[in-house]
Amino acid sequence: MANTIEQIQQLLQELGPSMPEIDAVVQTEEPSWAIQFSDETILIIEPAEDPPRMVISAELGAAPEAQQLTVYETLLCYNLLWKDSGGVKVGLAGPQGTLIISAEVCIESMALMDLQEALNKFLTITRAWAQYVAKADGTGPADVPPLPGMGAMHLHA
């Protein structure tokens, strides 16, 4: 695990200066990191082994009680599209909890450019789903985001 942690730490040290939209990279409880972006999106990076990889996650917010069934159903359908979504999945942090989006990224032979690309893709998906969850409260149209793999499925929210 030490090599995985060291590799992630090295990549994240290079990442901050190379992406202007990053406000801060902070090491949190050992071993994980929080990356804050200028739009206040926060990604959490955690190491995992066998194979060496990092788990990227972010909070999407909580689904409004009146829309929980619709939001959960939509996200469960999205989870089934793991081949098309690059393995991005969404889970629930306990009953009535916050929705957490996550993805695993292999770090073997990963270069800074690979990490930037992975983070940018993950950010695009995270921001779209966070907007979907936020609009599910009835303040706007809660249209399912046009994300990888969503074209073939007709989800109605």
Protein backbone atom coordinates (compact mmCIF):
# COMPACT_ATOMS: atom_id res chain seq x y z
CA MET A 1 0.00 0.00 0.00
CA ALA A 2 2.94 2.32 0.69
CA ASN A 3 3.91 2.42 -2.99
CA THR A 4 0.33 3.20 -4.02
CA ILE A 5 0.12 6.01 -1.46
CA GLU A 6 3.48 7.40 -2.56
CA GLN A 7 2.48 7.27 -6.22
CA ILE A 8 -0.82 9.06 -5.56
CA GLN A 9 0.93 11.63 -3.38
CA GLN A 10 3.47 12.35 -6.13
CA LEU A 11 0.75 12.73 -8.78
CA LEU A 12 -1.31 15.04 -6.58
CA GLN A 13 1.70 17.25 -5.82
CA GLU A 14 2.14 17.74 -9.58
CA LEU A 15 -1.60 18.10 -10.17
CA GLY A 16 -2.31 21.28 -8.19
CA PRO A 17 0.01 23.58 -10.16
CA SER A 18 -0.99 22.01 -13.50
CA MET A 19 -4.76 22.61 -13.20
CA PRO A 20 -5.67 26.27 -12.58
CA GLU A 21 -9.22 25.38 -11.51
CA ILE A 22 -7.85 23.59 -8.41
CA ASP A 23 -7.97 25.80 -5.32
CA ALA A 24 -6.45 23.30 -2.89
CA VAL A 25 -5.18 19.74 -2.48
CA VAL A 26 -5.26 18.68 1.16
CA GLN A 27 -4.22 15.40 2.71
CA THR A 28 -7.01 14.35 5.05
CA GLU A 29 -7.11 11.40 7.42
CA GLU A 30 -4.38 8.97 6.50
CA PRO A 31 -4.38 8.10 3.71
CA SER A 32 -6.76 10.20 1.62
CA TRP A 33 -6.79 13.57 -0.11
CA ALA A 34 -9.39 16.22 -0.83
CA ILE A 35 -9.17 18.30 -4.01
CA GLN A 36 -11.20 21.51 -4.00
CA PHE A 37 -12.04 23.14 -7.32
CA SER A 38 -12.87 26.80 -7.90
CA ASP A 39 -16.60 25.95 -8.32
CA GLU A 40 -16.46 24.44 -4.80
CA THR A 41 -16.68 20.85 -6.07
CA ILE A 42 -14.65 18.63 -3.75
CA LEU A 43 -13.26 15.27 -4.86
CA ILE A 44 -11.91 12.73 -2.39
CA ILE A 45 -9.04 10.46 -3.46
CA GLU A 46 -8.36 7.22 -1.57
CA PRO A 47 -5.79 4.50 -2.32
CA ALA A 48 -6.78 0.87 -2.91
CA GLU A 49 -4.78 -2.27 -3.69
CA ASP A 50 -4.92 -5.39 -5.87
CA PRO A 51 -4.51 -3.87 -8.40
CA PRO A 52 -3.04 -0.53 -7.30
CA ARG A 53 -5.67 2.14 -7.93
CA MET A 54 -7.26 5.26 -6.57
CA VAL A 55 -10.92 5.64 -5.72
CA ILE A 56 -12.30 9.07 -6.63
CA SER A 57 -15.54 10.11 -4.97
CA ALA A 58 -17.74 13.15 -4.39
CA GLU A 59 -21.02 14.00 -2.71
CA LEU A 60 -24.00 14.72 -4.95
CA GLY A 61 -26.31 15.87 -2.18
CA ALA A 62 -29.43 14.19 -0.83
CA ALA A 63 -32.45 13.42 -2.95
CA PRO A 64 -35.53 15.36 -1.85
CA GLU A 65 -37.91 13.04 0.00
CA ALA A 66 -40.74 13.49 -2.51
CA GLN A 67 -38.42 12.60 -5.42
CA GLN A 68 -36.33 9.85 -3.81
CA LEU A 69 -37.93 6.97 -5.72
CA THR A 70 -37.44 8.70 -9.08
CA VAL A 71 -33.87 9.80 -8.33
CA TYR A 72 -32.84 6.41 -6.88
CA GLU A 73 -34.43 4.53 -9.78
CA THR A 74 -32.64 6.73 -12.32
CA LEU A 75 -29.28 6.30 -10.57
CA LEU A 76 -29.72 2.53 -10.23
CA CYS A 77 -30.32 2.35 -13.98
CA TYR A 78 -27.16 4.42 -14.50
CA ASN A 79 -25.17 2.04 -12.25
CA LEU A 80 -26.11 -0.81 -14.55
CA LEU A 81 -24.36 1.01 -17.41
CA TRP A 82 -20.91 0.58 -15.81
CA LYS A 83 -19.37 -0.55 -19.12
CA ASP A 84 -20.44 2.70 -20.80
CA SER A 85 -19.84 4.98 -17.84
CA GLY A 86 -16.24 3.89 -17.28
CA GLY A 87 -17.23 2.23 -14.00
CA VAL A 88 -18.69 5.39 -12.45
CA LYS A 89 -21.33 4.43 -9.91
CA VAL A 90 -23.53 6.13 -7.36
CA GLY A 91 -24.38 4.87 -3.89
CA LEU A 92 -26.29 6.03 -0.86
CA ALA A 93 -24.50 6.87 2.40
CA GLY A 94 -27.11 5.27 4.65
CA PRO A 95 -30.90 5.63 4.82
CA GLN A 96 -32.00 9.14 3.79
CA GLY A 97 -28.31 9.87 3.29
CA THR A 98 -26.22 11.74 0.80
CA LEU A 99 -25.65 10.29 -2.65
CA ILE A 100 -21.98 9.49 -3.31
CA ILE A 101 -20.57 9.14 -6.82
CA SER A 102 -17.34 7.19 -7.26
CA ALA A 103 -14.97 5.63 -9.75
CA GLU A 104 -11.83 3.51 -9.52
CA VAL A 105 -8.82 4.48 -11.60
CA CYS A 106 -5.84 2.18 -12.14
CA ILE A 107 -2.65 4.04 -11.27
CA GLU A 108 -0.15 1.61 -12.74
CA SER A 109 2.02 3.61 -15.17
CA MET A 110 -0.23 6.64 -14.66
CA ALA A 111 1.20 9.96 -15.80
CA LEU A 112 0.01 13.40 -14.74
CA MET A 113 -1.84 13.84 -18.04
CA ASP A 114 -3.75 10.56 -17.43
CA LEU A 115 -4.81 11.76 -13.98
CA GLN A 116 -5.95 15.13 -15.38
CA GLU A 117 -8.02 13.36 -18.04
CA ALA A 118 -9.58 10.99 -15.49
CA LEU A 119 -10.42 13.85 -13.11
CA ASN A 120 -11.90 16.00 -15.88
CA LYS A 121 -14.17 13.14 -17.05
CA PHE A 122 -15.20 12.39 -13.48
CA LEU A 123 -15.86 16.08 -12.77
CA THR A 124 -18.10 16.41 -15.83
CA ILE A 125 -20.20 13.44 -14.73
CA THR A 126 -20.23 14.54 -11.07
CA ARG A 127 -21.34 18.07 -11.87
CA ALA A 128 -24.12 16.83 -14.16
CA TRP A 129 -25.49 14.40 -11.57
CA ALA A 130 -25.18 16.97 -8.75
CA GLN A 131 -27.24 19.37 -10.85
CA TYR A 132 -29.80 16.61 -11.53
CA VAL A 133 -30.13 15.83 -7.80
CA ALA A 134 -30.37 19.52 -6.89
CA LYS A 135 -33.13 20.14 -9.47
CA ALA A 136 -35.11 17.09 -8.32
CA ASP A 137 -36.48 19.25 -5.49
CA GLY A 138 -38.99 20.73 -7.92
CA THR A 139 -37.25 24.06 -8.50
CA GLY A 140 -36.46 23.19 -12.07
CA PRO A 141 -36.65 20.45 -14.67
CA ALA A 142 -34.85 17.38 -13.40
CA ASP A 143 -33.70 16.11 -16.76
CA VAL A 144 -31.42 13.10 -16.77
CA PRO A 145 -27.94 14.33 -17.71
CA PRO A 146 -26.63 13.37 -21.15
CA LEU A 147 -23.79 11.20 -19.92
CA PRO A 148 -21.81 8.32 -21.37
CA GLY A 149 -24.03 5.31 -21.79
CA MET A 150 -27.26 7.22 -21.27
CA GLY A 151 -28.11 7.54 -24.95
CA ALA A 152 -29.33 3.97 -25.33
CA MET A 153 -31.63 4.14 -22.29
CA HIS A 154 -34.70 6.26 -21.98
CA LEU A 155 -34.91 7.27 -18.35
CA HIS A 156 -37.68 9.55 -17.23
CA ALA A 157 -37.23 11.55 -14.08
